[in-house]
Amino acid sequence: MKAAPGTYVLVLRSQTNAKVRIGRWGHLDVAPGFYLYAGSAFGPGGIQARVSRHHRRDKRRHWHIDYLGDVATPCGAWYSHETARLEHRWAQVLSRMDGMSAIPGFGCSDCGCHSHLFQTSREPDFGRFSELAGGEIAHWSCRPRVDGATRG
């Protein structure tokens, strides 16, 4: 992952049931499982800075996704350094994947998308996402594999 602009899907995991207040957006009932957030990072530091920010607990809450970090832990990211903004297309791809449920209105107050956050009870399929989205998409994981090596 480079400090260059691009689009990403942040993959988070919750292992608990919780109710989280998401700023002025409202409350979100969080269930155990995976949450996938489609976003872009075209500012300073690009994707590397944005994904690193999502991993920090001591940050000013600016985006809806910042509040979810209280109960869900980032465990990876899927990303592209293409110069086109792909987050809206990627949100559509996520909405079509088996087992994904959209969280209506989350993370899309500045666009016409139905949602930028999706939930699934099983580990998300990067290969399927990559196939549906097309283009060059990489993945990074902060979770160790069972054999102790790092995914990515």
N, C-alpha and C. Protein backbone atom coordinates (compact mmCIF):
# COMPACT_ATOMS: atom_id res chain seq x y z
N MET A 1 0.86 -1.18 0.00
CA MET A 1 0.00 0.00 0.00
C MET A 1 0.90 1.23 0.00
N LYS A 2 0.62 2.14 -0.93
CA LYS A 2 1.45 3.34 -1.07
C LYS A 2 0.73 4.57 -0.51
N ALA A 3 1.52 5.60 -0.26
CA ALA A 3 0.96 6.89 0.16
C ALA A 3 0.54 7.64 -1.08
N ALA A 4 -0.35 7.03 -1.85
CA ALA A 4 -0.83 7.62 -3.10
C ALA A 4 -2.36 7.59 -3.07
N PRO A 5 -2.99 8.49 -3.82
CA PRO A 5 -4.45 8.56 -3.85
C PRO A 5 -5.07 7.28 -4.40
N GLY A 6 -6.34 7.09 -4.08
CA GLY A 6 -7.06 5.95 -4.61
C GLY A 6 -8.35 5.68 -3.86
N THR A 7 -8.88 4.49 -4.10
CA THR A 7 -10.14 4.03 -3.52
C THR A 7 -9.86 2.80 -2.68
N TYR A 8 -10.63 2.62 -1.62
CA TYR A 8 -10.41 1.48 -0.75
C TYR A 8 -11.74 0.95 -0.21
N VAL A 9 -11.69 -0.30 0.21
CA VAL A 9 -12.75 -0.90 1.02
C VAL A 9 -12.09 -1.29 2.32
N LEU A 10 -12.52 -0.69 3.41
CA LEU A 10 -12.02 -1.03 4.73
C LEU A 10 -12.83 -2.22 5.24
N VAL A 11 -12.14 -3.26 5.68
CA VAL A 11 -12.80 -4.46 6.21
C VAL A 11 -12.62 -4.44 7.73
N LEU A 12 -13.74 -4.44 8.44
CA LEU A 12 -13.73 -4.44 9.90
C LEU A 12 -14.45 -5.68 10.41
N ARG A 13 -14.15 -6.05 11.63
CA ARG A 13 -14.83 -7.20 12.24
C ARG A 13 -15.32 -6.84 13.63
N SER A 14 -16.57 -7.20 13.89
CA SER A 14 -17.14 -7.04 15.23
C SER A 14 -17.37 -8.42 15.80
N GLN A 15 -17.06 -8.58 17.06
CA GLN A 15 -17.29 -9.86 17.71
C GLN A 15 -18.36 -9.76 18.79
N THR A 16 -19.12 -8.66 18.75
CA THR A 16 -20.11 -8.43 19.79
C THR A 16 -21.35 -7.75 19.23
N ASN A 17 -22.43 -7.83 19.95
CA ASN A 17 -23.63 -7.04 19.67
C ASN A 17 -23.48 -5.71 20.40
N ALA A 18 -23.81 -4.63 19.73
CA ALA A 18 -23.70 -3.31 20.36
C ALA A 18 -24.60 -2.33 19.62
N LYS A 19 -24.93 -1.27 20.30
CA LYS A 19 -25.65 -0.16 19.69
C LYS A 19 -24.70 1.04 19.73
N VAL A 20 -24.40 1.61 18.56
CA VAL A 20 -23.42 2.68 18.47
C VAL A 20 -24.09 3.93 17.92
N ARG A 21 -23.83 5.05 18.56
CA ARG A 21 -24.32 6.33 18.05
C ARG A 21 -23.33 6.80 16.99
N ILE A 22 -23.83 7.07 15.79
CA ILE A 22 -23.01 7.50 14.67
C ILE A 22 -23.26 8.99 14.43
N GLY A 23 -22.63 9.83 15.23
CA GLY A 23 -22.79 11.28 15.09
C GLY A 23 -24.24 11.68 14.98
N ARG A 24 -24.56 12.55 14.02
CA ARG A 24 -25.94 12.99 13.80
C ARG A 24 -26.73 12.01 12.93
N TRP A 25 -26.06 11.02 12.37
CA TRP A 25 -26.71 10.04 11.50
C TRP A 25 -27.73 9.20 12.27
N GLY A 26 -27.42 8.87 13.51
CA GLY A 26 -28.31 8.06 14.32
C GLY A 26 -27.60 6.89 14.96
N HIS A 27 -28.36 5.89 15.34
CA HIS A 27 -27.80 4.70 15.99
C HIS A 27 -27.69 3.55 15.01
N LEU A 28 -26.67 2.74 15.21
CA LEU A 28 -26.45 1.56 14.40
C LEU A 28 -26.40 0.35 15.32
N ASP A 29 -27.24 -0.64 15.04
CA ASP A 29 -27.18 -1.90 15.78
C ASP A 29 -26.12 -2.76 15.11
N VAL A 30 -25.05 -3.02 15.83
CA VAL A 30 -23.94 -3.79 15.30
C VAL A 30 -24.06 -5.23 15.79
N ALA A 31 -23.91 -6.16 14.88
CA ALA A 31 -23.95 -7.59 15.19
C ALA A 31 -22.58 -8.18 14.90
N PRO A 32 -22.29 -9.33 15.48
CA PRO A 32 -21.02 -9.97 15.15
C PRO A 32 -20.95 -10.25 13.64
N GLY A 33 -19.79 -10.05 13.08
CA GLY A 33 -19.58 -10.28 11.66
C GLY A 33 -18.62 -9.26 11.09
N PHE A 34 -18.66 -9.14 9.78
CA PHE A 34 -17.75 -8.25 9.06
C PHE A 34 -18.51 -7.06 8.50
N TYR A 35 -17.84 -5.91 8.51
CA TYR A 35 -18.39 -4.67 7.97
C TYR A 35 -17.41 -4.17 6.92
N LEU A 36 -17.92 -3.82 5.76
CA LEU A 36 -17.09 -3.35 4.66
C LEU A 36 -17.52 -1.95 4.27
N TYR A 37 -16.58 -1.03 4.27
CA TYR A 37 -16.85 0.38 4.00
C TYR A 37 -16.09 0.81 2.75
N ALA A 38 -16.80 1.31 1.75
CA ALA A 38 -16.19 1.81 0.52
C ALA A 38 -15.92 3.30 0.66
N GLY A 39 -14.67 3.68 0.46
CA GLY A 39 -14.28 5.08 0.57
C GLY A 39 -13.19 5.44 -0.40
N SER A 40 -12.80 6.70 -0.38
CA SER A 40 -11.71 7.15 -1.23
C SER A 40 -10.76 8.00 -0.40
N ALA A 41 -9.54 8.10 -0.90
CA ALA A 41 -8.51 8.85 -0.20
C ALA A 41 -7.68 9.60 -1.24
N PHE A 42 -8.12 10.81 -1.57
CA PHE A 42 -7.43 11.60 -2.58
C PHE A 42 -6.69 12.79 -1.97
N GLY A 43 -6.60 12.83 -0.65
CA GLY A 43 -5.88 13.90 0.03
C GLY A 43 -4.44 13.50 0.33
N PRO A 44 -3.76 14.30 1.15
CA PRO A 44 -2.37 14.03 1.50
C PRO A 44 -2.20 12.64 2.14
N GLY A 45 -1.21 11.92 1.68
CA GLY A 45 -0.91 10.60 2.23
C GLY A 45 -1.72 9.48 1.60
N GLY A 46 -2.75 9.83 0.82
CA GLY A 46 -3.52 8.84 0.08
C GLY A 46 -4.09 7.71 0.92
N ILE A 47 -4.16 6.54 0.30
CA ILE A 47 -4.77 5.37 0.94
C ILE A 47 -4.00 4.96 2.19
N GLN A 48 -2.69 4.98 2.13
CA GLN A 48 -1.90 4.56 3.28
C GLN A 48 -2.25 5.39 4.53
N ALA A 49 -2.34 6.70 4.37
CA ALA A 49 -2.68 7.57 5.50
C ALA A 49 -4.10 7.32 5.99
N ARG A 50 -5.03 7.16 5.04
CA ARG A 50 -6.44 6.98 5.43
C ARG A 50 -6.64 5.65 6.16
N VAL A 51 -6.10 4.58 5.62
CA VAL A 51 -6.26 3.27 6.27
C VAL A 51 -5.57 3.27 7.63
N SER A 52 -4.41 3.90 7.73
CA SER A 52 -3.72 4.03 9.03
C SER A 52 -4.59 4.80 10.01
N ARG A 53 -5.24 5.85 9.55
CA ARG A 53 -6.13 6.64 10.40
C ARG A 53 -7.26 5.78 10.93
N HIS A 54 -7.84 4.94 10.06
CA HIS A 54 -8.94 4.08 10.48
C HIS A 54 -8.51 3.09 11.57
N HIS A 55 -7.22 2.79 11.64
CA HIS A 55 -6.72 1.87 12.67
C HIS A 55 -6.48 2.55 14.02
N ARG A 56 -6.42 3.88 14.03
CA ARG A 56 -6.16 4.61 15.28
C ARG A 56 -7.45 4.75 16.09
N ARG A 57 -7.32 4.61 17.38
CA ARG A 57 -8.47 4.82 18.27
C ARG A 57 -8.55 6.28 18.73
N ASP A 58 -7.40 6.95 18.81
CA ASP A 58 -7.35 8.33 19.30
C ASP A 58 -7.41 9.31 18.13
N LYS A 59 -8.60 9.47 17.57
CA LYS A 59 -8.75 10.38 16.45
C LYS A 59 -10.03 11.18 16.61
N ARG A 60 -10.04 12.33 15.99
CA ARG A 60 -11.24 13.14 15.94
C ARG A 60 -12.22 12.44 15.00
N ARG A 61 -13.44 12.31 15.42
CA ARG A 61 -14.44 11.66 14.59
C ARG A 61 -14.95 12.65 13.54
N HIS A 62 -14.72 12.29 12.30
CA HIS A 62 -15.08 13.15 11.18
C HIS A 62 -16.09 12.48 10.26
N TRP A 63 -15.85 11.20 9.95
CA TRP A 63 -16.72 10.45 9.04
C TRP A 63 -17.55 9.44 9.84
N HIS A 64 -18.66 9.01 9.24
CA HIS A 64 -19.51 8.00 9.89
C HIS A 64 -18.69 6.79 10.33
N ILE A 65 -17.78 6.34 9.49
CA ILE A 65 -17.02 5.12 9.78
C ILE A 65 -16.16 5.28 11.04
N ASP A 66 -15.80 6.50 11.41
CA ASP A 66 -14.98 6.71 12.61
C ASP A 66 -15.67 6.20 13.87
N TYR A 67 -16.98 6.25 13.90
CA TYR A 67 -17.74 5.83 15.09
C TYR A 67 -17.82 4.31 15.19
N LEU A 68 -17.81 3.63 14.08
CA LEU A 68 -17.90 2.17 14.09
C LEU A 68 -16.66 1.54 14.71
N GLY A 69 -15.54 2.25 14.67
CA GLY A 69 -14.29 1.76 15.24
C GLY A 69 -14.35 1.49 16.73
N ASP A 70 -15.38 1.99 17.41
CA ASP A 70 -15.53 1.72 18.84
C ASP A 70 -15.88 0.26 19.12
N VAL A 71 -16.52 -0.40 18.16
CA VAL A 71 -16.97 -1.78 18.39
C VAL A 71 -16.53 -2.76 17.32
N ALA A 72 -15.88 -2.28 16.27
CA ALA A 72 -15.41 -3.15 15.20
C ALA A 72 -13.94 -2.84 14.93
N THR A 73 -13.14 -3.85 14.74
CA THR A 73 -11.71 -3.71 14.56
C THR A 73 -11.34 -3.85 13.08
N PRO A 74 -10.59 -2.88 12.55
CA PRO A 74 -10.13 -3.04 11.17
C PRO A 74 -9.27 -4.29 11.05
N CYS A 75 -9.52 -5.07 10.00
CA CYS A 75 -8.73 -6.29 9.81
C CYS A 75 -8.17 -6.39 8.40
N GLY A 76 -8.38 -5.36 7.58
CA GLY A 76 -7.80 -5.38 6.25
C GLY A 76 -8.35 -4.28 5.39
N ALA A 77 -7.82 -4.21 4.17
CA ALA A 77 -8.29 -3.23 3.19
C ALA A 77 -8.07 -3.78 1.79
N TRP A 78 -9.01 -3.47 0.92
CA TRP A 78 -8.90 -3.75 -0.51
C TRP A 78 -8.75 -2.39 -1.17
N TYR A 79 -7.84 -2.24 -2.11
CA TYR A 79 -7.59 -0.89 -2.60
C TYR A 79 -7.07 -0.86 -4.03
N SER A 80 -7.21 0.32 -4.62
CA SER A 80 -6.69 0.59 -5.96
C SER A 80 -6.14 2.00 -5.97
N HIS A 81 -5.01 2.15 -6.63
CA HIS A 81 -4.43 3.49 -6.77
C HIS A 81 -4.82 4.14 -8.09
N GLU A 82 -5.88 3.65 -8.73
CA GLU A 82 -6.38 4.30 -9.94
C GLU A 82 -6.78 5.73 -9.59
N THR A 83 -6.63 6.63 -10.54
CA THR A 83 -6.94 8.04 -10.28
C THR A 83 -8.44 8.33 -10.31
N ALA A 84 -9.23 7.45 -10.89
CA ALA A 84 -10.69 7.65 -10.91
C ALA A 84 -11.25 7.32 -9.52
N ARG A 85 -12.29 8.04 -9.13
CA ARG A 85 -12.98 7.76 -7.86
C ARG A 85 -13.91 6.57 -8.08
N LEU A 86 -13.57 5.46 -7.45
CA LEU A 86 -14.29 4.20 -7.67
C LEU A 86 -15.23 3.83 -6.53
N GLU A 87 -15.27 4.61 -5.47
CA GLU A 87 -16.02 4.17 -4.28
C GLU A 87 -17.50 3.95 -4.55
N HIS A 88 -18.10 4.73 -5.42
CA HIS A 88 -19.53 4.56 -5.72
C HIS A 88 -19.77 3.27 -6.49
N ARG A 89 -18.91 3.00 -7.46
CA ARG A 89 -19.01 1.74 -8.21
C ARG A 89 -18.75 0.56 -7.29
N TRP A 90 -17.74 0.69 -6.42
CA TRP A 90 -17.42 -0.40 -5.51
C TRP A 90 -18.55 -0.65 -4.51
N ALA A 91 -19.22 0.41 -4.07
CA ALA A 91 -20.38 0.23 -3.18
C ALA A 91 -21.47 -0.58 -3.91
N GLN A 92 -21.65 -0.31 -5.18
CA GLN A 92 -22.63 -1.07 -5.97
C GLN A 92 -22.22 -2.54 -6.08
N VAL A 93 -20.94 -2.78 -6.27
CA VAL A 93 -20.42 -4.15 -6.35
C VAL A 93 -20.69 -4.87 -5.02
N LEU A 94 -20.37 -4.22 -3.92
CA LEU A 94 -20.60 -4.84 -2.60
C LEU A 94 -22.07 -5.17 -2.41
N SER A 95 -22.95 -4.30 -2.88
CA SER A 95 -24.39 -4.52 -2.71
C SER A 95 -24.88 -5.75 -3.48
N ARG A 96 -24.15 -6.14 -4.51
CA ARG A 96 -24.54 -7.30 -5.32
C ARG A 96 -23.91 -8.61 -4.86
N MET A 97 -23.02 -8.56 -3.90
CA MET A 97 -22.34 -9.78 -3.45
C MET A 97 -23.23 -10.59 -2.52
N ASP A 98 -23.18 -11.91 -2.66
CA ASP A 98 -23.97 -12.81 -1.82
C ASP A 98 -23.67 -12.59 -0.35
N GLY A 99 -24.71 -12.53 0.43
CA GLY A 99 -24.57 -12.43 1.88
C GLY A 99 -24.34 -11.04 2.41
N MET A 100 -24.23 -10.02 1.55
CA MET A 100 -24.00 -8.64 1.99
C MET A 100 -25.33 -7.94 2.24
N SER A 101 -25.39 -7.21 3.34
CA SER A 101 -26.55 -6.39 3.66
C SER A 101 -26.09 -4.94 3.77
N ALA A 102 -26.74 -4.06 3.03
CA ALA A 102 -26.41 -2.64 3.07
C ALA A 102 -26.95 -2.01 4.34
N ILE A 103 -26.21 -1.06 4.89
CA ILE A 103 -26.67 -0.23 6.00
C ILE A 103 -27.14 1.07 5.35
N PRO A 104 -28.45 1.22 5.09
CA PRO A 104 -28.97 2.35 4.31
C PRO A 104 -28.54 3.71 4.85
N GLY A 105 -28.02 4.55 3.96
CA GLY A 105 -27.66 5.92 4.29
C GLY A 105 -26.31 6.10 4.95
N PHE A 106 -25.61 5.01 5.23
CA PHE A 106 -24.34 5.11 5.96
C PHE A 106 -23.20 5.50 5.00
N GLY A 107 -22.51 6.58 5.34
CA GLY A 107 -21.32 6.99 4.61
C GLY A 107 -21.58 7.55 3.23
N CYS A 108 -22.83 7.89 2.94
CA CYS A 108 -23.14 8.37 1.59
C CYS A 108 -23.97 9.65 1.62
N SER A 109 -23.79 10.46 2.64
CA SER A 109 -24.57 11.69 2.74
C SER A 109 -24.17 12.71 1.67
N ASP A 110 -23.02 12.52 1.04
CA ASP A 110 -22.56 13.46 0.02
C ASP A 110 -22.67 12.91 -1.40
N CYS A 111 -23.43 11.82 -1.57
CA CYS A 111 -23.59 11.24 -2.91
C CYS A 111 -24.97 10.60 -3.03
N GLY A 112 -25.25 10.00 -4.15
CA GLY A 112 -26.56 9.40 -4.38
C GLY A 112 -26.61 7.91 -4.11
N CYS A 113 -25.58 7.35 -3.53
CA CYS A 113 -25.57 5.91 -3.26
C CYS A 113 -26.55 5.54 -2.16
N HIS A 114 -26.99 4.29 -2.17
CA HIS A 114 -27.87 3.77 -1.12
C HIS A 114 -27.08 3.59 0.19
N SER A 115 -25.83 3.17 0.08
CA SER A 115 -24.98 2.94 1.24
C SER A 115 -23.52 2.81 0.80
N HIS A 116 -22.62 3.07 1.75
CA HIS A 116 -21.20 2.78 1.55
C HIS A 116 -20.73 1.78 2.59
N LEU A 117 -21.65 1.28 3.43
CA LEU A 117 -21.30 0.29 4.46
C LEU A 117 -22.17 -0.94 4.29
N PHE A 118 -21.51 -2.09 4.36
CA PHE A 118 -22.19 -3.37 4.17
C PHE A 118 -21.76 -4.33 5.27
N GLN A 119 -22.69 -5.22 5.64
CA GLN A 119 -22.43 -6.18 6.71
C GLN A 119 -22.64 -7.58 6.16
N THR A 120 -21.81 -8.51 6.64
CA THR A 120 -21.95 -9.92 6.31
C THR A 120 -21.51 -10.75 7.51
N SER A 121 -22.15 -11.88 7.69
CA SER A 121 -21.80 -12.72 8.84
C SER A 121 -20.57 -13.58 8.57
N ARG A 122 -20.22 -13.76 7.30
CA ARG A 122 -19.05 -14.60 6.99
C ARG A 122 -17.92 -13.76 6.41
N GLU A 123 -16.72 -14.31 6.44
CA GLU A 123 -15.56 -13.58 5.94
C GLU A 123 -15.78 -13.19 4.48
N PRO A 124 -15.59 -11.91 4.16
CA PRO A 124 -15.85 -11.44 2.79
C PRO A 124 -14.87 -12.05 1.78
N ASP A 125 -15.34 -12.21 0.57
CA ASP A 125 -14.60 -12.87 -0.50
C ASP A 125 -13.90 -11.83 -1.38
N PHE A 126 -12.62 -11.59 -1.12
CA PHE A 126 -11.86 -10.62 -1.91
C PHE A 126 -11.81 -11.02 -3.38
N GLY A 127 -11.62 -12.29 -3.66
CA GLY A 127 -11.54 -12.76 -5.03
C GLY A 127 -12.81 -12.44 -5.81
N ARG A 128 -13.95 -12.68 -5.20
CA ARG A 128 -15.23 -12.39 -5.86
C ARG A 128 -15.40 -10.89 -6.07
N PHE A 129 -15.06 -10.10 -5.05
CA PHE A 129 -15.15 -8.64 -5.17
C PHE A 129 -14.28 -8.16 -6.33
N SER A 130 -13.05 -8.63 -6.37
CA SER A 130 -12.10 -8.23 -7.38
C SER A 130 -12.60 -8.59 -8.78
N GLU A 131 -13.19 -9.77 -8.90
CA GLU A 131 -13.74 -10.22 -10.17
C GLU A 131 -14.89 -9.32 -10.63
N LEU A 132 -15.80 -8.98 -9.71
CA LEU A 132 -16.95 -8.14 -10.04
C LEU A 132 -16.56 -6.69 -10.31
N ALA A 133 -15.58 -6.17 -9.55
CA ALA A 133 -15.20 -4.77 -9.67
C ALA A 133 -14.30 -4.51 -10.87
N GLY A 134 -13.48 -5.48 -11.22
CA GLY A 134 -12.55 -5.31 -12.34
C GLY A 134 -11.42 -4.36 -11.98
N GLY A 135 -10.45 -4.26 -12.85
CA GLY A 135 -9.30 -3.39 -12.61
C GLY A 135 -8.29 -4.05 -11.70
N GLU A 136 -7.27 -3.29 -11.37
CA GLU A 136 -6.21 -3.80 -10.49
C GLU A 136 -6.54 -3.44 -9.05
N ILE A 137 -6.87 -4.46 -8.27
CA ILE A 137 -7.23 -4.26 -6.87
C ILE A 137 -6.30 -5.12 -6.03
N ALA A 138 -5.71 -4.51 -5.04
CA ALA A 138 -4.81 -5.21 -4.13
C ALA A 138 -5.50 -5.39 -2.78
N HIS A 139 -4.93 -6.23 -1.95
CA HIS A 139 -5.49 -6.37 -0.60
C HIS A 139 -4.36 -6.43 0.41
N TRP A 140 -4.69 -5.97 1.59
CA TRP A 140 -3.76 -5.94 2.71
C TRP A 140 -4.53 -6.41 3.93
N SER A 141 -3.90 -7.21 4.76
CA SER A 141 -4.55 -7.69 5.96
C SER A 141 -3.66 -7.46 7.17
N CYS A 142 -4.27 -7.05 8.26
CA CYS A 142 -3.51 -6.87 9.49
C CYS A 142 -3.71 -8.06 10.42
N ARG A 143 -4.46 -9.06 9.94
CA ARG A 143 -4.69 -10.26 10.75
C ARG A 143 -3.70 -11.33 10.36
N PRO A 144 -3.07 -11.96 11.34
CA PRO A 144 -2.18 -13.07 11.00
C PRO A 144 -2.95 -14.30 10.57
N ARG A 145 -2.38 -15.06 9.65
CA ARG A 145 -2.98 -16.34 9.28
C ARG A 145 -2.74 -17.33 10.40
N VAL A 146 -3.37 -18.45 10.32
CA VAL A 146 -3.22 -19.50 11.33
C VAL A 146 -1.77 -19.93 11.45
N ASP A 147 -1.02 -19.95 10.32
CA ASP A 147 0.37 -20.39 10.35
C ASP A 147 1.33 -19.30 10.84
N GLY A 148 0.79 -18.12 11.19
CA GLY A 148 1.60 -17.04 11.74
C GLY A 148 2.08 -16.03 10.71
N ALA A 149 2.00 -16.36 9.42
CA ALA A 149 2.40 -15.41 8.39
C ALA A 149 1.34 -14.33 8.25
N THR A 150 1.71 -13.21 7.66
CA THR A 150 0.76 -12.12 7.44
C THR A 150 0.15 -12.24 6.07
N ARG A 151 -1.17 -12.04 5.98
CA ARG A 151 -1.86 -12.07 4.70
C ARG A 151 -1.54 -10.80 3.93
N GLY A 152 -1.75 -10.86 2.60
CA GLY A 152 -1.63 -9.64 1.83
C GLY A 152 -0.83 -9.74 0.62
